[in-house]
């Protein structure tokens, strides 16, 4: 499924709820479906900076696609990272980098979060895109015959 199709699905799901209390509960439910990070990655190296809560994010690259696992010590934050992973998991590095993630505004997520959580959301998106950029750069270097390894 494309990023846009998954985003549309999420927008439809959130439209079913009339108030934000129900949407928060749905977000918390989504956090329970989060692909759990291996405990060995729950270290400072994998913590997303800029989040009030502790959020760990790990990415691995396979067949030019990125796969994510994560965890958080806060239920709402866990739901937010789980939403992002649902949209971007198994997508190509190029698609992740290019994704505008318009669903975040469409469902009104940012405006219904506290300023610190909204900053955390931006930090999570930034970190996911940085992973994609890093793997894309690494891949290009590996596949570029004019790039010589020195060392």
N, C-alpha and C. Protein backbone atom coordinates (compact mmCIF):
# COMPACT_ATOMS: atom_id res chain seq x y z
N UNK A 1 0.84 -1.18 0.00
CA UNK A 1 0.00 0.00 0.00
C UNK A 1 0.89 1.25 0.00
N UNK A 2 0.49 2.27 -0.74
CA UNK A 2 1.30 3.49 -0.81
C UNK A 2 1.11 4.32 0.47
N UNK A 3 2.03 5.25 0.68
CA UNK A 3 1.95 6.14 1.84
C UNK A 3 0.62 6.89 1.82
N UNK A 4 0.26 7.40 0.64
CA UNK A 4 -0.98 8.17 0.51
C UNK A 4 -2.21 7.32 0.85
N UNK A 5 -2.22 6.08 0.41
CA UNK A 5 -3.36 5.19 0.71
C UNK A 5 -3.48 4.94 2.21
N UNK A 6 -2.36 4.73 2.86
CA UNK A 6 -2.38 4.49 4.31
C UNK A 6 -2.84 5.76 5.04
N UNK A 7 -2.34 6.92 4.57
CA UNK A 7 -2.76 8.18 5.18
C UNK A 7 -4.27 8.36 5.04
N UNK A 8 -4.81 8.07 3.85
CA UNK A 8 -6.25 8.21 3.62
C UNK A 8 -7.04 7.29 4.56
N UNK A 9 -6.51 6.09 4.76
CA UNK A 9 -7.15 5.12 5.66
C UNK A 9 -7.20 5.69 7.09
N UNK A 10 -6.10 6.27 7.54
CA UNK A 10 -6.03 6.83 8.89
C UNK A 10 -6.99 8.01 9.04
N UNK A 11 -7.05 8.87 8.01
CA UNK A 11 -7.97 10.01 8.05
C UNK A 11 -9.41 9.50 8.20
N UNK A 12 -9.76 8.46 7.43
CA UNK A 12 -11.11 7.87 7.52
C UNK A 12 -11.38 7.33 8.91
N UNK A 13 -10.40 6.65 9.48
CA UNK A 13 -10.57 6.08 10.82
C UNK A 13 -10.81 7.19 11.85
N UNK A 14 -10.04 8.27 11.76
CA UNK A 14 -10.18 9.37 12.72
C UNK A 14 -11.49 10.13 12.53
N UNK A 15 -12.00 10.15 11.30
CA UNK A 15 -13.27 10.84 11.04
C UNK A 15 -14.45 10.15 11.74
N UNK A 16 -14.28 8.90 12.10
CA UNK A 16 -15.35 8.16 12.78
C UNK A 16 -15.60 8.68 14.19
N UNK A 17 -14.60 9.38 14.75
CA UNK A 17 -14.72 9.86 16.13
C UNK A 17 -15.12 11.32 16.13
N UNK A 18 -16.12 11.64 16.93
CA UNK A 18 -16.63 13.01 16.94
C UNK A 18 -15.81 13.94 17.83
N UNK A 19 -15.28 13.44 18.92
CA UNK A 19 -14.51 14.36 19.76
C UNK A 19 -13.09 13.84 19.99
N UNK A 20 -12.26 14.74 20.49
CA UNK A 20 -10.85 14.42 20.62
C UNK A 20 -10.56 13.43 21.75
N UNK A 21 -11.44 13.32 22.70
CA UNK A 21 -11.24 12.32 23.75
C UNK A 21 -11.24 10.93 23.13
N UNK A 22 -12.20 10.69 22.24
CA UNK A 22 -12.26 9.39 21.54
C UNK A 22 -11.05 9.19 20.66
N UNK A 23 -10.60 10.27 20.01
CA UNK A 23 -9.41 10.17 19.14
C UNK A 23 -8.17 9.85 19.96
N UNK A 24 -8.06 10.47 21.13
CA UNK A 24 -6.93 10.15 22.02
C UNK A 24 -6.96 8.68 22.43
N UNK A 25 -8.15 8.20 22.77
CA UNK A 25 -8.27 6.79 23.14
C UNK A 25 -7.87 5.88 21.99
N UNK A 26 -8.25 6.26 20.78
CA UNK A 26 -7.88 5.48 19.59
C UNK A 26 -6.37 5.50 19.40
N UNK A 27 -5.78 6.66 19.63
CA UNK A 27 -4.32 6.82 19.53
C UNK A 27 -3.62 5.91 20.54
N UNK A 28 -4.15 5.87 21.75
CA UNK A 28 -3.58 5.00 22.79
C UNK A 28 -3.70 3.53 22.38
N UNK A 29 -4.86 3.17 21.80
CA UNK A 29 -5.04 1.81 21.28
C UNK A 29 -3.99 1.49 20.22
N UNK A 30 -3.77 2.44 19.32
CA UNK A 30 -2.79 2.23 18.25
C UNK A 30 -1.39 1.97 18.82
N UNK A 31 -1.08 2.63 19.92
CA UNK A 31 0.21 2.44 20.57
C UNK A 31 0.43 1.00 20.99
N UNK A 32 -0.66 0.30 21.24
CA UNK A 32 -0.55 -1.11 21.65
C UNK A 32 -0.18 -2.02 20.48
N UNK A 33 -0.34 -1.52 19.25
CA UNK A 33 -0.01 -2.33 18.06
C UNK A 33 1.38 -1.99 17.53
N UNK A 34 2.09 -1.14 18.23
CA UNK A 34 3.41 -0.69 17.80
C UNK A 34 4.39 -1.86 17.68
N UNK A 35 5.11 -1.94 16.54
CA UNK A 35 6.16 -2.97 16.45
C UNK A 35 7.23 -2.68 17.51
N UNK A 36 7.32 -3.55 18.50
CA UNK A 36 8.18 -3.29 19.65
C UNK A 36 9.66 -3.36 19.31
N UNK A 37 10.37 -2.40 19.84
CA UNK A 37 11.81 -2.31 19.64
C UNK A 37 12.50 -3.38 20.49
N UNK A 38 13.55 -3.94 19.96
CA UNK A 38 14.35 -4.90 20.72
C UNK A 38 14.96 -4.13 21.90
N UNK A 39 14.89 -4.70 23.11
CA UNK A 39 15.42 -3.99 24.28
C UNK A 39 16.87 -3.51 24.11
N UNK A 40 17.65 -4.19 23.27
CA UNK A 40 19.05 -3.76 23.10
C UNK A 40 19.15 -2.39 22.41
N UNK A 41 18.05 -1.93 21.78
CA UNK A 41 18.04 -0.61 21.14
C UNK A 41 17.41 0.46 22.02
N UNK A 42 17.01 0.09 23.22
CA UNK A 42 16.45 1.08 24.14
C UNK A 42 17.59 1.75 24.90
N UNK A 43 18.44 2.42 24.12
CA UNK A 43 19.59 3.12 24.69
C UNK A 43 19.52 4.58 24.23
N UNK A 44 20.37 5.40 24.82
CA UNK A 44 20.41 6.82 24.47
C UNK A 44 20.67 7.04 22.98
N UNK A 45 21.40 6.13 22.35
CA UNK A 45 21.72 6.29 20.92
C UNK A 45 20.47 6.30 20.05
N UNK A 46 19.41 5.65 20.51
CA UNK A 46 18.19 5.53 19.71
C UNK A 46 17.05 6.42 20.23
N UNK A 47 17.35 7.23 21.25
CA UNK A 47 16.35 8.15 21.78
C UNK A 47 16.17 9.31 20.79
N UNK A 48 14.93 9.72 20.59
CA UNK A 48 14.68 10.87 19.72
C UNK A 48 14.78 12.12 20.57
N UNK A 49 15.69 13.01 20.19
CA UNK A 49 15.82 14.24 20.97
C UNK A 49 14.71 15.19 20.56
N UNK A 50 14.29 16.02 21.48
CA UNK A 50 13.22 16.97 21.20
C UNK A 50 11.87 16.49 21.69
N UNK A 51 11.82 15.29 22.22
CA UNK A 51 10.56 14.76 22.75
C UNK A 51 10.58 14.89 24.26
N UNK A 52 9.46 15.31 24.82
CA UNK A 52 9.35 15.43 26.27
C UNK A 52 9.40 14.03 26.89
N UNK A 53 8.70 13.09 26.27
CA UNK A 53 8.72 11.70 26.72
C UNK A 53 9.94 11.02 26.11
N UNK A 54 10.24 9.86 26.63
CA UNK A 54 11.34 9.10 26.05
C UNK A 54 10.77 8.25 24.90
N UNK A 55 11.35 8.42 23.73
CA UNK A 55 10.92 7.68 22.54
C UNK A 55 12.17 7.10 21.89
N UNK A 56 12.17 5.78 21.75
CA UNK A 56 13.27 5.10 21.09
C UNK A 56 12.80 4.67 19.71
N UNK A 57 13.65 4.87 18.71
CA UNK A 57 13.30 4.50 17.34
C UNK A 57 14.48 3.79 16.70
N UNK A 58 14.20 2.63 16.13
CA UNK A 58 15.23 1.87 15.44
C UNK A 58 14.74 1.60 14.02
N UNK A 59 15.65 1.72 13.06
CA UNK A 59 15.29 1.45 11.66
C UNK A 59 16.27 0.45 11.08
N UNK A 60 15.77 -0.47 10.27
CA UNK A 60 16.68 -1.31 9.50
C UNK A 60 16.24 -1.28 8.04
N UNK A 61 17.22 -1.46 7.20
CA UNK A 61 17.06 -1.30 5.75
C UNK A 61 17.13 -2.66 5.10
N UNK A 62 16.15 -2.95 4.27
CA UNK A 62 16.11 -4.24 3.58
C UNK A 62 15.44 -4.04 2.22
N UNK A 63 16.12 -4.44 1.15
CA UNK A 63 15.58 -4.31 -0.21
C UNK A 63 15.11 -2.89 -0.50
N UNK A 64 15.94 -1.91 -0.17
CA UNK A 64 15.66 -0.49 -0.37
C UNK A 64 14.38 -0.01 0.32
N UNK A 65 13.98 -0.71 1.36
CA UNK A 65 12.84 -0.28 2.16
C UNK A 65 13.29 -0.17 3.62
N UNK A 66 12.63 0.72 4.35
CA UNK A 66 12.96 0.90 5.76
C UNK A 66 11.87 0.29 6.63
N UNK A 67 12.30 -0.35 7.69
CA UNK A 67 11.38 -0.96 8.66
C UNK A 67 11.72 -0.40 10.03
N UNK A 68 10.70 -0.02 10.77
CA UNK A 68 10.90 0.65 12.05
C UNK A 68 10.31 -0.14 13.21
N UNK A 69 10.97 -0.02 14.35
CA UNK A 69 10.40 -0.47 15.62
C UNK A 69 10.63 0.69 16.59
N UNK A 70 9.80 0.76 17.61
CA UNK A 70 9.91 1.89 18.54
C UNK A 70 9.28 1.54 19.87
N UNK A 71 9.47 2.44 20.82
CA UNK A 71 8.78 2.35 22.10
C UNK A 71 8.82 3.73 22.73
N UNK A 72 7.93 3.93 23.68
CA UNK A 72 7.90 5.19 24.42
C UNK A 72 7.42 4.89 25.83
N UNK A 73 7.78 5.79 26.75
CA UNK A 73 7.32 5.62 28.12
C UNK A 73 6.00 6.36 28.38
N UNK A 74 5.41 6.95 27.33
CA UNK A 74 4.13 7.66 27.47
C UNK A 74 3.13 7.11 26.46
N UNK A 75 1.90 6.84 26.90
CA UNK A 75 0.92 6.16 26.03
C UNK A 75 0.52 6.97 24.80
N UNK A 76 0.32 8.28 24.94
CA UNK A 76 -0.07 9.10 23.78
C UNK A 76 1.10 9.15 22.79
N UNK A 77 2.30 9.35 23.30
CA UNK A 77 3.48 9.41 22.44
C UNK A 77 3.68 8.08 21.72
N UNK A 78 3.43 7.00 22.41
CA UNK A 78 3.52 5.67 21.81
C UNK A 78 2.52 5.56 20.65
N UNK A 79 1.34 6.11 20.84
CA UNK A 79 0.32 6.11 19.79
C UNK A 79 0.76 6.95 18.59
N UNK A 80 1.39 8.09 18.86
CA UNK A 80 1.83 8.97 17.78
C UNK A 80 2.92 8.29 16.95
N UNK A 81 3.92 7.73 17.60
CA UNK A 81 5.01 7.08 16.85
C UNK A 81 4.46 5.85 16.12
N UNK A 82 3.49 5.19 16.70
CA UNK A 82 2.89 4.03 16.04
C UNK A 82 2.14 4.45 14.77
N UNK A 83 1.47 5.60 14.80
CA UNK A 83 0.81 6.13 13.60
C UNK A 83 1.83 6.40 12.49
N UNK A 84 2.93 7.06 12.86
CA UNK A 84 3.97 7.39 11.88
C UNK A 84 4.57 6.12 11.29
N UNK A 85 4.83 5.14 12.15
CA UNK A 85 5.40 3.88 11.67
C UNK A 85 4.41 3.16 10.75
N UNK A 86 3.14 3.20 11.11
CA UNK A 86 2.12 2.55 10.27
C UNK A 86 2.16 3.12 8.84
N UNK A 87 2.35 4.43 8.73
CA UNK A 87 2.37 5.08 7.42
C UNK A 87 3.68 4.80 6.67
N UNK A 88 4.80 4.79 7.38
CA UNK A 88 6.10 4.78 6.70
C UNK A 88 6.83 3.44 6.71
N UNK A 89 6.37 2.49 7.51
CA UNK A 89 7.03 1.19 7.60
C UNK A 89 6.98 0.45 6.26
N UNK A 90 8.11 -0.08 5.84
CA UNK A 90 8.15 -0.87 4.61
C UNK A 90 8.10 -0.04 3.35
N UNK A 91 8.30 1.26 3.47
CA UNK A 91 8.32 2.14 2.30
C UNK A 91 9.76 2.38 1.87
N UNK A 92 9.93 2.84 0.64
CA UNK A 92 11.28 3.11 0.15
C UNK A 92 11.82 4.38 0.81
N UNK A 93 13.15 4.46 0.86
CA UNK A 93 13.78 5.63 1.47
C UNK A 93 13.33 6.90 0.72
N UNK A 94 13.27 6.82 -0.59
CA UNK A 94 12.86 7.97 -1.41
C UNK A 94 11.44 8.42 -1.04
N UNK A 95 10.51 7.47 -0.95
CA UNK A 95 9.12 7.80 -0.62
C UNK A 95 9.00 8.40 0.78
N UNK A 96 9.79 7.89 1.72
CA UNK A 96 9.76 8.42 3.09
C UNK A 96 10.25 9.87 3.10
N UNK A 97 11.35 10.12 2.40
CA UNK A 97 11.91 11.47 2.36
C UNK A 97 10.92 12.45 1.72
N UNK A 98 10.25 12.02 0.66
CA UNK A 98 9.32 12.88 -0.09
C UNK A 98 7.95 13.03 0.57
N UNK A 99 7.59 12.14 1.48
CA UNK A 99 6.23 12.11 2.05
C UNK A 99 5.91 13.41 2.79
N UNK A 100 4.84 14.11 2.35
CA UNK A 100 4.46 15.34 3.05
C UNK A 100 3.74 15.07 4.38
N UNK A 101 3.24 13.85 4.55
CA UNK A 101 2.53 13.45 5.77
C UNK A 101 1.39 14.41 6.11
N UNK A 102 0.59 14.71 5.11
CA UNK A 102 -0.54 15.62 5.27
C UNK A 102 -1.61 15.13 6.22
N UNK A 103 -1.63 13.83 6.47
CA UNK A 103 -2.66 13.28 7.36
C UNK A 103 -2.57 13.87 8.77
N UNK A 104 -1.35 14.27 9.18
CA UNK A 104 -1.14 14.83 10.52
C UNK A 104 -2.03 16.08 10.69
N UNK A 105 -2.02 16.94 9.66
CA UNK A 105 -2.86 18.14 9.72
C UNK A 105 -4.33 17.81 9.46
N UNK A 106 -4.57 16.87 8.54
CA UNK A 106 -5.95 16.51 8.21
C UNK A 106 -6.73 15.98 9.42
N UNK A 107 -6.07 15.20 10.25
CA UNK A 107 -6.78 14.68 11.43
C UNK A 107 -6.72 15.66 12.61
N UNK A 108 -5.97 16.76 12.42
CA UNK A 108 -5.90 17.79 13.47
C UNK A 108 -5.01 17.41 14.63
N UNK A 109 -4.08 16.49 14.38
CA UNK A 109 -3.26 15.97 15.46
C UNK A 109 -2.41 17.06 16.13
N UNK A 110 -1.67 17.81 15.32
CA UNK A 110 -0.76 18.80 15.89
C UNK A 110 -1.49 19.83 16.75
N UNK A 111 -2.65 20.28 16.28
CA UNK A 111 -3.37 21.33 17.01
C UNK A 111 -4.02 20.82 18.29
N UNK A 112 -4.15 19.50 18.44
CA UNK A 112 -4.76 18.94 19.65
C UNK A 112 -3.72 18.37 20.61
N UNK A 113 -2.47 18.63 20.33
CA UNK A 113 -1.40 18.19 21.24
C UNK A 113 -0.88 19.40 22.01
N UNK A 114 -0.33 19.15 23.16
CA UNK A 114 0.32 20.23 23.90
C UNK A 114 1.52 20.69 23.07
N UNK A 115 1.99 21.92 23.25
CA UNK A 115 3.14 22.40 22.46
C UNK A 115 4.36 21.47 22.55
N UNK A 116 4.61 20.90 23.73
CA UNK A 116 5.77 20.02 23.85
C UNK A 116 5.56 18.71 23.09
N UNK A 117 4.33 18.18 23.09
CA UNK A 117 4.04 16.96 22.32
C UNK A 117 4.09 17.25 20.83
N UNK A 118 3.59 18.43 20.42
CA UNK A 118 3.63 18.81 19.01
C UNK A 118 5.09 18.91 18.54
N UNK A 119 5.95 19.47 19.39
CA UNK A 119 7.38 19.52 19.05
C UNK A 119 7.95 18.11 18.95
N UNK A 120 7.51 17.24 19.84
CA UNK A 120 7.94 15.84 19.81
C UNK A 120 7.53 15.16 18.52
N UNK A 121 6.32 15.43 18.06
CA UNK A 121 5.82 14.87 16.80
C UNK A 121 6.73 15.30 15.65
N UNK A 122 7.07 16.59 15.61
CA UNK A 122 7.96 17.11 14.57
C UNK A 122 9.32 16.42 14.67
N UNK A 123 9.82 16.22 15.88
CA UNK A 123 11.11 15.54 16.08
C UNK A 123 11.07 14.09 15.60
N UNK A 124 9.93 13.41 15.84
CA UNK A 124 9.79 12.02 15.39
C UNK A 124 9.83 11.95 13.86
N UNK A 125 9.09 12.84 13.21
CA UNK A 125 9.08 12.86 11.74
C UNK A 125 10.48 13.15 11.21
N UNK A 126 11.13 14.12 11.83
CA UNK A 126 12.48 14.50 11.41
C UNK A 126 13.44 13.30 11.54
N UNK A 127 13.36 12.59 12.66
CA UNK A 127 14.25 11.45 12.88
C UNK A 127 13.99 10.34 11.87
N UNK A 128 12.73 10.05 11.56
CA UNK A 128 12.40 9.02 10.58
C UNK A 128 12.97 9.40 9.22
N UNK A 129 12.81 10.68 8.85
CA UNK A 129 13.31 11.13 7.54
C UNK A 129 14.84 11.14 7.52
N UNK A 130 15.47 11.42 8.67
CA UNK A 130 16.94 11.36 8.74
C UNK A 130 17.45 9.94 8.54
N UNK A 131 16.76 8.97 9.13
CA UNK A 131 17.10 7.57 8.91
C UNK A 131 17.02 7.25 7.42
N UNK A 132 15.94 7.67 6.78
CA UNK A 132 15.74 7.40 5.35
C UNK A 132 16.85 8.04 4.53
N UNK A 133 17.20 9.27 4.84
CA UNK A 133 18.26 9.98 4.13
C UNK A 133 19.61 9.29 4.32
N UNK A 134 19.88 8.87 5.55
CA UNK A 134 21.15 8.19 5.83
C UNK A 134 21.26 6.89 5.04
N UNK A 135 20.20 6.08 5.05
CA UNK A 135 20.23 4.82 4.32
C UNK A 135 20.29 5.05 2.81
N UNK A 136 19.60 6.09 2.34
CA UNK A 136 19.63 6.39 0.91
C UNK A 136 21.04 6.79 0.49
N UNK A 137 21.69 7.64 1.28
CA UNK A 137 23.06 8.09 0.99
C UNK A 137 24.02 6.90 1.01
N UNK A 138 23.89 6.06 2.02
CA UNK A 138 24.73 4.88 2.16
C UNK A 138 24.57 3.96 0.94
N UNK A 139 23.33 3.78 0.51
CA UNK A 139 23.02 2.94 -0.64
C UNK A 139 23.61 3.50 -1.93
N UNK A 140 23.50 4.81 -2.12
CA UNK A 140 24.04 5.45 -3.33
C UNK A 140 25.55 5.30 -3.37
N UNK A 141 26.19 5.46 -2.23
CA UNK A 141 27.65 5.32 -2.18
C UNK A 141 28.06 3.90 -2.51
N UNK A 142 27.30 2.94 -2.03
CA UNK A 142 27.60 1.54 -2.27
C UNK A 142 27.41 1.19 -3.75
N UNK A 143 26.41 1.80 -4.38
CA UNK A 143 26.09 1.46 -5.78
C UNK A 143 26.77 2.36 -6.80
N UNK A 144 27.52 3.36 -6.33
CA UNK A 144 28.17 4.30 -7.24
C UNK A 144 29.62 3.84 -7.48
N UNK A 145 29.93 3.36 -8.71
CA UNK A 145 31.27 2.85 -8.98
C UNK A 145 32.34 3.93 -8.90
N UNK A 146 31.96 5.21 -9.06
CA UNK A 146 32.97 6.27 -8.99
C UNK A 146 33.32 6.62 -7.56
N UNK A 147 32.53 6.12 -6.60
CA UNK A 147 32.80 6.40 -5.20
C UNK A 147 33.76 5.33 -4.68
N UNK A 148 34.97 5.77 -4.38
CA UNK A 148 35.97 4.81 -3.90
C UNK A 148 36.03 4.84 -2.39
N UNK A 149 36.20 3.68 -1.83
CA UNK A 149 36.35 3.59 -0.37
C UNK A 149 37.82 3.81 -0.03
N UNK A 150 38.08 4.73 0.87
CA UNK A 150 39.44 4.96 1.36
C UNK A 150 39.48 4.60 2.84
N UNK A 151 40.64 4.15 3.27
CA UNK A 151 40.70 3.90 4.70
C UNK A 151 41.65 2.92 5.06
